[in-house]
Amino acid sequence: MTDFQAAMNRDFGVIAEQVRFHAHESPERPALVDPARTLSYGALDALMDRIAAGLQRDGLRAGDAIAVCAASSVNYAAVFLGALRAGVAVAPLAPGSTPASLARMIEDAEARILFVDAAAAEVIGDAAAAGVPRIALDGCAAARALEAWLAPAGKRPAAVEPEPAWPFNIIYSSGTTGEPKGIVQGHGMRWAHVRRGAKYEYGRGTVTLLSTPLYSNTTLVVFFPTIAYGGCVILMPKFDAAGYLKLAEQHRVTHTMLVPVQYQRLMAHPAFDAHDLSSFRFKFSTSAPFNAALKADVLKRWPGGLIEFYGMTEGGGTCILEAHLHPDKLHTVGQPAEGSDIRLIDESGREVAPGEAGEVVGHSAGMMVGYHRQPEKTREAEWFDPAGKRFIRTGDVGRFDDEGFLTLFDRKKDMIISGGFNIYPSDLEAVLRGHAAVADVAVIGVPSVQWGETPVAFVVRRAGDDTGADALLQWANGQLGKTQRLARLQLIDELPRSAIGKVLKRELRERDTAR
């Protein structure tokens, strides 16, 4: 058994040190590619050292955090990996968020340094997080250039030995208004994702094409196994179907992660069948409902296996559908992954009888440490069985069939998934309530051909107010992040409510369908 194989067989390992191994073994092998440059493993390892040493020089210690807000790039990936080598956690932030939301997330993460590119710096502005030093990944004039900030070439950082419970990254699930929730994922959780990679043929010959952003957990569950196993990651800063197909053919891509709406756009592209995609071994999907008919089309026309992951950024249990092996189960999200304990509970927190529906809860080695600085929110997300075993609640309702495949029915939290991104109606409702004309409001998700789902608002105006629906829509979308904007806004005399005052969003969905 080689040193590499021995390392990958351990219950816990350090991803940043796997890069060191590959750099010594094959320094010229490409590790990262973006539209501007290619970085070999030898160069990546050296750059990670300079980043880690730079962080330590600036006083950051293991357990501290940095924030990164930028489009995917080689430098972004290198900073993420370099921070990990120093034991520093990374908070990857979505540039499409509002400036106020980004400021709150930077503050909540207690980020000591903020890494940005030109576009993100413009969004954040000068006032937000004014006391946090900024480094420009792309060398733009908005901040100190990365190259000028780095420790000198050849500088090695002080050695750090991460432990499984140490924070690896902090991923923010939402946060247009109120307090954002930072999901703290540990080094042990990420290593569990890496070890799972052996089943999907990750290795030195892997070429992974990623067109989803590096701030998304969807991307990271494929990015880190590729790097840990010594493969090459092709980073596509912005997805478009034609560009994706060109890159896939050019680089002889073997692995990819896409959200369902991207699969939909690719399969509908008129030139799809003209491209040679025979190099693909595995295609992955997660983050949003994946229509069974679309899965069937992918299986028919796109070579290689199709894997659907069902789980949460918070971790807990994972279900996996190996669609190419179970074409009769495409309506499900698969079976619990090895090491995942998935159960269904009722409203009282008791496990339901076999064949009954219930809320999905899960336990595995890959579980968040908790919500950053929010112990009450962490407790709300947890469920413990009678023996005291900790599970994470998903808020989703599902049912197992006789063969152990899980079918999902609804999301208890009414979360909207648009283009693979989570949108929380309460965030949008809070923004609309800030307008003087709005007396009451409810936001629901409705089907969208382009995005999978899209948010629609129902607004009750204050008595005597004559503000129009278009004016309210434009105002609200001016306050919201790009991924959260409303598709429509309808004026309504009164929201339908239950006897105890709960808004009946089901009736609003029916009304929108009838419209």
Protein backbone atom coordinates (compact mmCIF):
# COMPACT_ATOMS: atom_id res chain seq x y z
CA MET A 1 0.00 0.00 0.00
CA THR A 2 1.36 3.43 -0.99
CA ASP A 3 1.57 6.37 1.42
CA PHE A 4 -1.25 8.00 -0.54
CA GLN A 5 -3.53 4.97 -0.23
CA ALA A 6 -2.72 4.68 3.46
CA ALA A 7 -3.65 8.33 3.98
CA MET A 8 -6.96 7.95 2.13
CA ASN A 9 -7.86 4.89 4.24
CA ARG A 10 -7.53 6.78 7.51
CA ASP A 11 -10.65 7.73 9.46
CA PHE A 12 -9.38 11.30 9.39
CA GLY A 13 -6.95 13.10 7.14
CA VAL A 14 -5.98 16.64 6.14
CA ILE A 15 -6.96 17.75 2.64
CA ALA A 16 -4.28 20.46 2.47
CA GLU A 17 -1.60 17.86 3.13
CA GLN A 18 -2.87 15.72 0.26
CA VAL A 19 -1.93 18.61 -2.03
CA ARG A 20 1.62 18.44 -0.62
CA PHE A 21 1.77 14.73 -1.46
CA HIS A 22 0.65 15.27 -5.07
CA ALA A 23 3.07 18.20 -5.45
CA HIS A 24 6.00 15.98 -4.47
CA GLU A 25 4.84 13.06 -6.59
CA SER A 26 3.81 14.93 -9.78
CA PRO A 27 4.62 18.64 -9.50
CA GLU A 28 3.77 19.40 -13.14
CA ARG A 29 0.34 17.72 -13.10
CA PRO A 30 -2.39 20.38 -13.54
CA ALA A 31 -4.49 21.01 -10.42
CA LEU A 32 -6.60 24.10 -11.18
CA VAL A 33 -7.71 25.71 -14.43
CA ASP A 34 -9.75 28.87 -15.00
CA PRO A 35 -10.18 30.96 -18.19
CA ALA A 36 -7.01 32.92 -17.41
CA ARG A 37 -4.49 30.36 -16.14
CA THR A 38 -3.52 26.82 -15.23
CA LEU A 39 -1.83 25.98 -11.92
CA SER A 40 0.13 22.77 -11.41
CA TYR A 41 0.24 20.86 -8.14
CA GLY A 42 3.78 22.04 -7.48
CA ALA A 43 2.79 25.68 -8.02
CA LEU A 44 -0.42 25.25 -6.01
CA ASP A 45 1.47 23.78 -3.06
CA ALA A 46 3.95 26.66 -3.10
CA LEU A 47 1.16 29.25 -3.37
CA MET A 48 -0.72 27.63 -0.48
CA ASP A 49 2.43 27.95 1.65
CA ARG A 50 2.72 31.65 0.83
CA ILE A 51 -0.98 32.20 1.66
CA ALA A 52 -0.79 30.27 4.94
CA ALA A 53 2.40 32.08 5.91
CA GLY A 54 0.81 35.42 5.01
CA LEU A 55 -2.16 34.72 7.26
CA GLN A 56 0.12 33.71 10.13
CA ARG A 57 2.27 36.81 9.57
CA ASP A 58 -0.89 38.93 9.91
CA GLY A 59 -1.66 37.34 13.27
CA LEU A 60 -4.27 34.75 12.30
CA ARG A 61 -4.19 31.56 14.30
CA ALA A 62 -5.85 28.18 13.94
CA GLY A 63 -9.60 28.59 14.45
CA ASP A 64 -9.71 32.17 13.16
CA ALA A 65 -11.66 32.90 9.98
CA ILE A 66 -11.33 34.73 6.69
CA ALA A 67 -14.10 35.59 4.22
CA VAL A 68 -13.95 35.25 0.43
CA CYS A 69 -16.44 37.03 -1.82
CA ALA A 70 -15.65 36.58 -5.50
CA ALA A 71 -16.34 34.60 -8.65
CA SER A 72 -14.65 31.21 -8.94
CA SER A 73 -10.99 31.40 -9.97
CA VAL A 74 -7.65 29.70 -9.46
CA ASN A 75 -6.70 32.31 -6.86
CA TYR A 76 -9.99 31.81 -4.99
CA ALA A 77 -9.38 28.06 -4.77
CA ALA A 78 -5.76 28.55 -3.72
CA VAL A 79 -6.72 30.98 -0.94
CA PHE A 80 -9.32 28.52 0.36
CA LEU A 81 -6.76 25.69 0.43
CA GLY A 82 -3.98 27.91 1.79
CA ALA A 83 -6.16 29.06 4.67
CA LEU A 84 -6.87 25.44 5.55
CA ARG A 85 -3.14 24.75 5.68
CA ALA A 86 -2.92 27.43 8.39
CA GLY A 87 -5.89 25.95 10.26
CA VAL A 88 -7.95 29.03 9.36
CA ALA A 89 -11.63 28.57 8.55
CA VAL A 90 -13.10 30.04 5.37
CA ALA A 91 -16.45 31.81 5.03
CA PRO A 92 -17.25 31.78 1.28
CA LEU A 93 -19.86 34.47 0.58
CA ALA A 94 -22.20 34.94 -2.37
CA PRO A 95 -21.45 38.12 -4.35
CA GLY A 96 -25.13 38.25 -5.35
CA SER A 97 -26.16 39.04 -1.76
CA THR A 98 -27.07 42.58 -0.74
CA PRO A 99 -24.36 44.82 0.75
CA ALA A 100 -26.13 44.83 4.13
CA SER A 101 -26.37 41.04 4.12
CA LEU A 102 -22.71 40.64 3.22
CA ALA A 103 -21.70 43.05 5.97
CA ARG A 104 -23.67 41.01 8.53
CA MET A 105 -22.11 37.74 7.36
CA ILE A 106 -18.58 39.15 7.49
CA GLU A 107 -19.24 40.39 11.00
CA ASP A 108 -20.90 37.14 12.11
CA ALA A 109 -17.99 35.04 10.81
CA GLU A 110 -15.58 37.34 12.68
CA ALA A 111 -13.54 37.39 9.48
CA ARG A 112 -10.07 38.82 10.00
CA ILE A 113 -9.40 39.39 6.29
CA LEU A 114 -11.75 39.74 3.31
CA PHE A 115 -10.65 38.48 -0.11
CA VAL A 116 -12.58 40.00 -3.03
CA ASP A 117 -12.53 40.58 -6.77
CA ALA A 118 -13.52 43.79 -8.56
CA ALA A 119 -17.20 42.90 -8.98
CA ALA A 120 -17.66 41.85 -5.35
CA ALA A 121 -15.81 44.91 -4.06
CA GLU A 122 -18.24 47.12 -5.93
CA VAL A 123 -21.23 45.32 -4.40
CA ILE A 124 -19.87 45.44 -0.87
CA GLY A 125 -18.87 49.10 -1.07
CA ASP A 126 -16.52 51.00 1.19
CA ALA A 127 -18.77 51.32 4.24
CA ALA A 128 -19.52 47.62 4.82
CA ALA A 129 -17.00 45.79 7.00
CA ALA A 130 -14.82 48.91 6.89
CA GLY A 131 -12.46 47.66 9.58
CA VAL A 132 -11.61 44.38 7.83
CA PRO A 133 -8.49 44.41 5.60
CA ARG A 134 -9.23 43.56 1.97
CA ILE A 135 -7.13 41.65 -0.53
CA ALA A 136 -7.91 41.68 -4.26
CA LEU A 137 -7.75 38.20 -5.80
CA ASP A 138 -7.71 39.70 -9.29
CA GLY A 139 -5.33 42.56 -8.47
CA CYS A 140 -8.04 45.21 -8.93
CA ALA A 141 -7.60 48.71 -7.53
CA ALA A 142 -10.31 48.20 -4.91
CA ALA A 143 -7.92 46.51 -2.48
CA ARG A 144 -4.35 45.43 -1.96
CA ALA A 145 -3.34 42.97 -4.68
CA LEU A 146 -2.96 39.31 -3.67
CA GLU A 147 0.54 39.15 -5.17
CA ALA A 148 1.67 42.10 -3.05
CA TRP A 149 0.10 40.62 0.10
CA LEU A 150 1.56 37.12 -0.18
CA ALA A 151 4.47 36.00 1.99
CA PRO A 152 7.76 35.85 0.06
CA ALA A 153 8.31 33.00 -2.36
CA GLY A 154 9.71 29.95 -0.59
CA LYS A 155 8.32 30.96 2.80
CA ARG A 156 6.90 27.99 4.71
CA PRO A 157 4.16 28.44 7.33
CA ALA A 158 4.38 27.09 10.85
CA ALA A 159 3.04 23.55 10.90
CA VAL A 160 -0.59 23.11 11.98
CA GLU A 161 -2.31 19.79 12.65
CA PRO A 162 -6.09 20.23 12.31
CA GLU A 163 -8.44 18.12 14.39
CA PRO A 164 -11.77 16.72 13.10
CA ALA A 165 -13.91 19.18 15.10
CA TRP A 166 -11.97 22.28 13.99
CA PRO A 167 -14.02 24.59 11.75
CA PHE A 168 -13.21 24.01 8.08
CA ASN A 169 -15.66 26.50 6.58
CA ILE A 170 -18.68 28.59 7.50
CA ILE A 171 -21.39 28.54 4.85
CA TYR A 172 -24.26 31.01 5.12
CA SER A 173 -27.69 29.64 4.27
CA SER A 174 -29.53 32.96 3.96
CA GLY A 175 -29.59 36.45 5.35
CA THR A 176 -31.31 39.27 3.49
CA THR A 177 -32.76 40.49 6.78
CA GLY A 178 -32.30 39.53 10.40
CA GLU A 179 -29.42 37.37 11.55
CA PRO A 180 -27.84 35.08 8.94
CA LYS A 181 -27.17 31.47 9.85
CA GLY A 182 -23.56 30.39 9.45
CA ILE A 183 -23.25 26.62 9.09
CA VAL A 184 -19.95 25.52 10.62
CA GLN A 185 -18.60 22.41 8.92
CA GLY A 186 -15.65 20.67 10.51
CA HIS A 187 -12.55 19.10 9.00
CA GLY A 188 -13.99 15.70 9.88
CA MET A 189 -17.13 16.37 7.84
CA ARG A 190 -15.14 17.35 4.75
CA TRP A 191 -12.88 14.32 5.12
CA ALA A 192 -15.99 12.10 5.13
CA HIS A 193 -16.91 13.61 1.74
CA VAL A 194 -13.39 12.90 0.46
CA ARG A 195 -13.43 9.25 1.55
CA ARG A 196 -16.75 8.76 -0.22
CA GLY A 197 -14.99 9.76 -3.42
CA ALA A 198 -13.25 6.40 -3.84
CA LYS A 199 -16.57 4.86 -4.86
CA TYR A 200 -16.88 7.32 -7.75
CA GLU A 201 -13.47 6.69 -9.32
CA TYR A 202 -11.75 9.91 -8.28
CA GLY A 203 -8.04 9.70 -8.95
CA ARG A 204 -5.05 11.31 -10.64
CA GLY A 205 -6.80 11.07 -14.01
CA THR A 206 -9.94 12.84 -12.84
CA VAL A 207 -10.91 16.02 -14.67
CA THR A 208 -13.81 17.77 -12.92
CA LEU A 209 -15.71 20.63 -14.54
CA LEU A 210 -17.41 22.95 -12.02
CA SER A 211 -19.76 25.70 -13.15
CA THR A 212 -21.46 26.19 -9.80
CA PRO A 213 -19.77 28.75 -7.48
CA LEU A 214 -17.15 27.96 -4.87
CA TYR A 215 -19.27 29.58 -2.16
CA SER A 216 -21.84 26.78 -2.56
CA ASN A 217 -21.65 23.52 -0.65
CA THR A 218 -22.93 21.90 -3.84
CA THR A 219 -19.59 22.70 -5.49
CA LEU A 220 -17.37 21.89 -2.54
CA VAL A 221 -18.60 18.30 -2.13
CA VAL A 222 -16.99 17.57 -5.53
CA PHE A 223 -14.14 20.11 -5.50
CA PHE A 224 -12.36 18.75 -2.42
CA PRO A 225 -12.44 15.04 -3.37
CA THR A 226 -11.03 15.92 -6.80
CA ILE A 227 -8.10 17.81 -5.24
CA ALA A 228 -7.53 15.26 -2.47
CA TYR A 229 -7.25 12.46 -5.03
CA GLY A 230 -4.91 14.46 -7.27
CA GLY A 231 -7.29 15.30 -10.10
CA CYS A 232 -7.72 18.51 -12.08
CA VAL A 233 -10.53 21.03 -11.47
CA ILE A 234 -11.76 23.20 -14.35
CA LEU A 235 -13.43 26.30 -12.90
CA MET A 236 -16.13 27.99 -14.97
CA PRO A 237 -16.90 31.39 -13.35
CA LYS A 238 -20.32 31.68 -15.00
CA PHE A 239 -22.43 28.89 -16.47
CA ASP A 240 -23.73 28.90 -19.99
CA ALA A 241 -24.73 25.73 -21.82
CA ALA A 242 -22.69 26.29 -24.99
CA GLY A 243 -19.54 27.18 -23.04
CA TYR A 244 -19.96 24.23 -20.70
CA LEU A 245 -20.27 21.74 -23.56
CA LYS A 246 -17.20 23.19 -25.27
CA LEU A 247 -15.08 22.90 -22.12
CA ALA A 248 -16.33 19.39 -21.39
CA GLU A 249 -15.28 18.18 -24.82
CA GLN A 250 -12.00 20.14 -24.92
CA HIS A 251 -10.72 18.92 -21.52
CA ARG A 252 -12.11 15.37 -21.79
CA VAL A 253 -13.99 15.90 -18.53
CA THR A 254 -14.67 12.84 -16.37
CA HIS A 255 -16.70 14.28 -13.46
CA THR A 256 -19.05 17.20 -12.90
CA MET A 257 -21.58 18.63 -10.46
CA LEU A 258 -24.66 20.41 -11.80
CA VAL A 259 -27.95 21.51 -10.30
CA PRO A 260 -31.12 20.29 -12.06
CA VAL A 261 -31.83 23.55 -13.87
CA GLN A 262 -28.38 23.32 -15.48
CA TYR A 263 -29.09 19.79 -16.65
CA GLN A 264 -32.35 21.09 -18.09
CA ARG A 265 -30.58 23.84 -20.06
CA LEU A 266 -27.86 21.51 -21.31
CA MET A 267 -30.24 18.79 -22.49
CA ALA A 268 -32.32 21.44 -24.30
CA HIS A 269 -29.31 22.96 -26.08
CA PRO A 270 -29.61 22.31 -29.84
CA ALA A 271 -25.93 21.29 -30.11
CA PHE A 272 -25.89 18.90 -27.13
CA ASP A 273 -25.86 15.68 -29.14
CA ALA A 274 -23.12 17.00 -31.45
CA HIS A 275 -20.56 17.11 -28.62
CA ASP A 276 -18.32 14.18 -27.69
CA LEU A 277 -18.99 13.55 -23.98
CA SER A 278 -17.75 9.97 -23.96
CA SER A 279 -15.03 10.76 -21.40
CA PHE A 280 -17.58 11.22 -18.58
CA ARG A 281 -17.53 8.67 -15.78
CA PHE A 282 -19.87 10.31 -13.27
CA LYS A 283 -22.22 13.28 -13.20
CA PHE A 284 -23.59 14.50 -9.88
CA SER A 285 -26.58 16.59 -8.86
CA THR A 286 -27.94 18.02 -5.63
CA SER A 287 -29.53 21.17 -4.11
CA ALA A 288 -32.96 21.06 -5.78
CA PRO A 289 -35.72 18.67 -6.89
CA PHE A 290 -34.58 16.68 -9.93
CA ASN A 291 -37.47 15.76 -12.22
CA ALA A 292 -37.65 12.03 -13.03
CA ALA A 293 -38.20 12.69 -16.75
CA LEU A 294 -35.12 14.90 -16.87
CA LYS A 295 -33.05 12.21 -15.14
CA ALA A 296 -34.23 9.71 -17.73
CA ASP A 297 -33.21 12.03 -20.57
CA VAL A 298 -29.73 12.50 -19.04
CA LEU A 299 -29.33 8.73 -18.73
CA LYS A 300 -30.36 8.21 -22.33
CA ARG A 301 -28.20 10.85 -23.99
CA TRP A 302 -25.20 11.55 -21.73
CA PRO A 303 -22.54 8.87 -21.17
CA GLY A 304 -21.43 7.91 -17.66
CA GLY A 305 -23.21 7.32 -14.38
CA LEU A 306 -25.67 9.79 -12.86
CA ILE A 307 -25.60 10.29 -9.10
CA GLU A 308 -28.11 12.36 -7.12
CA PHE A 309 -27.20 13.40 -3.58
CA TYR A 310 -29.92 14.35 -1.14
CA GLY A 311 -28.85 16.08 2.05
CA MET A 312 -28.31 19.43 3.69
CA THR A 313 -25.41 21.84 3.97
CA GLU A 314 -25.80 21.25 7.71
CA GLY A 315 -24.96 17.61 7.09
CA GLY A 316 -26.48 14.68 8.89
CA GLY A 317 -27.58 11.81 6.74
CA THR A 318 -27.24 11.62 2.98
CA CYS A 319 -29.32 9.66 0.49
CA ILE A 320 -27.77 8.67 -2.82
CA LEU A 321 -29.57 7.68 -5.99
CA GLU A 322 -27.36 5.86 -8.47
CA ALA A 323 -29.78 6.60 -11.27
CA HIS A 324 -27.95 4.54 -13.91
CA LEU A 325 -28.28 1.46 -11.69
CA HIS A 326 -31.89 2.08 -10.63
CA PRO A 327 -33.79 3.50 -13.62
CA ASP A 328 -37.06 2.43 -11.99
CA LYS A 329 -36.40 4.67 -8.96
CA LEU A 330 -35.95 8.03 -10.67
CA HIS A 331 -38.88 9.48 -8.70
CA THR A 332 -36.87 8.98 -5.48
CA VAL A 333 -33.70 10.49 -4.00
CA GLY A 334 -32.22 7.07 -3.43
CA GLN A 335 -31.17 5.10 -0.38
CA PRO A 336 -29.21 6.18 2.73
CA ALA A 337 -25.49 6.36 2.03
CA GLU A 338 -23.08 4.07 3.83
CA GLY A 339 -22.65 5.40 7.34
CA SER A 340 -25.86 7.47 7.17
CA ASP A 341 -28.70 6.77 9.57
CA ILE A 342 -31.86 8.29 8.05
CA ARG A 343 -35.12 8.20 10.01
CA LEU A 344 -38.58 9.77 9.74
CA ILE A 345 -40.27 11.43 12.70
CA ASP A 346 -43.73 12.86 13.34
CA GLU A 347 -44.70 16.27 14.73
CA SER A 348 -44.12 14.97 18.28
CA GLY A 349 -40.60 13.82 17.52
CA ARG A 350 -41.43 10.11 17.50
CA GLU A 351 -40.31 7.79 14.72
CA VAL A 352 -43.14 6.92 12.34
CA ALA A 353 -44.21 3.38 11.50
CA PRO A 354 -42.78 1.70 8.36
CA GLY A 355 -44.49 2.99 5.22
CA GLU A 356 -45.65 6.23 6.86
CA ALA A 357 -44.49 9.72 5.94
CA GLY A 358 -42.54 11.92 8.31
CA GLU A 359 -39.88 14.60 8.62
CA VAL A 360 -36.47 13.40 7.45
CA VAL A 361 -33.69 13.45 10.07
CA GLY A 362 -30.18 12.15 9.58
CA HIS A 363 -26.97 11.20 11.37
CA SER A 364 -23.55 10.53 9.87
CA ALA A 365 -19.89 11.35 10.26
CA GLY A 366 -20.53 14.42 8.09
CA MET A 367 -22.46 16.76 10.37
CA MET A 368 -22.11 20.47 11.06
CA VAL A 369 -20.62 21.51 14.35
CA GLY A 370 -23.51 23.95 14.63
CA TYR A 371 -24.72 27.37 13.52
CA HIS A 372 -22.00 29.91 14.17
CA ARG A 373 -22.62 31.75 17.44
CA GLN A 374 -26.29 30.65 17.43
CA PRO A 375 -26.70 27.80 19.95
CA GLU A 376 -30.48 28.16 20.05
CA LYS A 377 -30.74 27.76 16.26
CA THR A 378 -28.42 24.76 16.53
CA ARG A 379 -30.67 23.13 19.11
CA GLU A 380 -33.70 23.73 16.89
CA ALA A 381 -31.95 21.86 14.07
CA GLU A 382 -31.14 18.83 16.21
CA TRP A 383 -33.15 15.73 17.11
CA PHE A 384 -31.97 13.05 19.52
CA ASP A 385 -33.22 9.49 19.54
CA PRO A 386 -34.10 7.78 22.86
CA ALA A 387 -30.50 6.55 23.16
CA GLY A 388 -29.17 10.12 22.83
CA LYS A 389 -27.86 9.82 19.26
CA ARG A 390 -27.70 13.24 17.53
CA PHE A 391 -29.52 13.81 14.23
CA ILE A 392 -29.98 16.89 12.02
CA ARG A 393 -33.55 17.81 11.06
CA THR A 394 -34.09 18.55 7.36
CA GLY A 395 -37.57 20.07 7.47
CA ASP A 396 -38.44 17.83 4.48
CA VAL A 397 -41.26 15.31 4.51
CA GLY A 398 -40.71 11.94 2.89
CA ARG A 399 -41.50 8.25 2.93
CA PHE A 400 -39.41 5.10 2.41
CA ASP A 401 -40.61 2.39 0.07
CA ASP A 402 -40.20 -1.33 0.72
CA GLU A 403 -36.69 -1.30 -0.77
CA GLY A 404 -35.48 1.61 1.34
CA PHE A 405 -35.66 4.31 -1.34
CA LEU A 406 -36.79 7.72 -0.09
CA THR A 407 -39.46 9.75 -1.88
CA LEU A 408 -39.82 13.42 -0.88
CA PHE A 409 -43.20 15.14 -0.76
CA ASP A 410 -42.83 18.64 0.63
CA ARG A 411 -40.58 21.02 2.54
CA LYS A 412 -41.92 21.90 5.93
CA LYS A 413 -40.05 25.17 5.98
CA ASP A 414 -41.52 26.39 2.67
CA MET A 415 -38.02 27.03 1.43
CA ILE A 416 -37.77 27.95 -2.26
CA ILE A 417 -34.95 26.46 -4.37
CA SER A 418 -34.30 28.63 -7.41
CA GLY A 419 -31.47 27.72 -9.77
CA GLY A 420 -29.97 25.57 -7.02
CA PHE A 421 -29.96 28.39 -4.43
CA ASN A 422 -31.99 28.38 -1.23
CA ILE A 423 -34.44 31.25 -0.82
CA TYR A 424 -36.30 31.70 2.44
CA PRO A 425 -39.74 33.33 2.05
CA SER A 426 -39.50 34.96 5.48
CA ASP A 427 -36.49 36.99 4.30
CA LEU A 428 -38.40 38.33 1.30
CA GLU A 429 -41.51 38.96 3.38
CA ALA A 430 -39.51 41.00 5.88
CA VAL A 431 -38.17 43.20 3.09
CA LEU A 432 -41.65 43.85 1.70
CA ARG A 433 -42.99 44.66 5.15
CA GLY A 434 -40.47 47.49 5.24
CA HIS A 435 -42.49 49.37 2.58
CA ALA A 436 -45.02 51.82 3.99
CA ALA A 437 -47.75 50.54 1.65
CA VAL A 438 -47.60 46.92 2.82
CA ALA A 439 -49.95 45.75 5.54
CA ASP A 440 -49.49 42.02 5.10
CA VAL A 441 -47.52 39.74 2.79
CA ALA A 442 -46.78 36.10 2.00
CA VAL A 443 -44.19 34.68 -0.43
CA ILE A 444 -44.42 31.27 -2.04
CA GLY A 445 -42.39 29.31 -4.55
CA VAL A 446 -43.98 28.45 -7.89
CA PRO A 447 -42.68 26.23 -10.73
CA SER A 448 -40.35 27.89 -13.22
CA VAL A 449 -39.07 26.42 -16.47
CA GLN A 450 -35.90 28.52 -16.24
CA TRP A 451 -35.07 28.25 -12.53
CA GLY A 452 -36.94 25.20 -11.24
CA GLU A 453 -38.78 27.42 -8.76
CA THR A 454 -39.17 31.15 -8.41
CA PRO A 455 -40.64 33.37 -5.66
CA VAL A 456 -44.01 35.12 -5.99
CA ALA A 457 -45.37 37.60 -3.44
CA PHE A 458 -48.98 38.20 -2.37
CA VAL A 459 -49.40 41.64 -0.81
CA VAL A 460 -52.21 43.26 1.15
CA ARG A 461 -51.92 47.05 1.00
CA ARG A 462 -52.67 49.37 3.87
CA ALA A 463 -56.15 50.88 3.81
CA GLY A 464 -56.37 53.81 1.41
CA ASP A 465 -53.00 53.16 -0.23
CA ASP A 466 -52.98 52.99 -4.03
CA THR A 467 -49.35 51.95 -4.71
CA GLY A 468 -49.32 49.69 -7.78
CA ALA A 469 -48.07 46.09 -7.95
CA ASP A 470 -45.34 47.00 -10.47
CA ALA A 471 -44.00 49.76 -8.25
CA LEU A 472 -43.89 47.45 -5.23
CA LEU A 473 -42.19 44.73 -7.29
CA GLN A 474 -39.49 47.09 -8.55
CA TRP A 475 -38.90 48.47 -5.05
CA ALA A 476 -38.60 45.01 -3.48
CA ASN A 477 -36.25 43.66 -6.13
CA GLY A 478 -34.06 46.69 -5.61
CA GLN A 479 -33.59 45.62 -1.99
CA LEU A 480 -33.06 41.90 -2.64
CA GLY A 481 -30.02 39.94 -3.79
CA LYS A 482 -29.91 38.77 -7.41
CA THR A 483 -30.80 35.18 -6.57
CA GLN A 484 -33.76 36.25 -4.39
CA ARG A 485 -35.68 38.57 -6.68
CA LEU A 486 -39.43 38.13 -7.09
CA ALA A 487 -40.84 36.92 -10.39
CA ARG A 488 -44.27 38.43 -9.72
CA LEU A 489 -46.17 40.41 -7.11
CA GLN A 490 -49.94 40.15 -6.81
CA LEU A 491 -52.16 42.47 -4.82
CA ILE A 492 -54.75 40.68 -2.70
CA ASP A 493 -57.50 41.87 -0.34
CA GLU A 494 -56.77 39.37 2.43
CA LEU A 495 -54.38 36.48 2.98
CA PRO A 496 -56.06 33.09 3.56
CA ARG A 497 -55.42 31.95 7.12
CA SER A 498 -56.24 28.99 9.32
CA ALA A 499 -58.26 29.24 12.51
CA ILE A 500 -55.10 29.84 14.49
CA GLY A 501 -53.91 32.58 12.14
CA LYS A 502 -51.40 30.62 10.03
CA VAL A 503 -51.18 31.74 6.40
CA LEU A 504 -52.40 28.92 4.13
CA LYS A 505 -49.72 29.02 1.48
CA ARG A 506 -51.22 25.96 -0.19
CA GLU A 507 -54.24 28.07 -1.12
CA LEU A 508 -51.98 30.78 -2.50
CA ARG A 509 -50.23 28.20 -4.69
CA GLU A 510 -53.59 26.97 -5.96
CA ARG A 511 -54.65 30.54 -6.68
CA ASP A 512 -51.43 31.19 -8.60
CA THR A 513 -51.88 27.99 -10.61
CA ALA A 514 -55.44 29.00 -11.48
CA ARG A 515 -54.20 32.41 -12.58
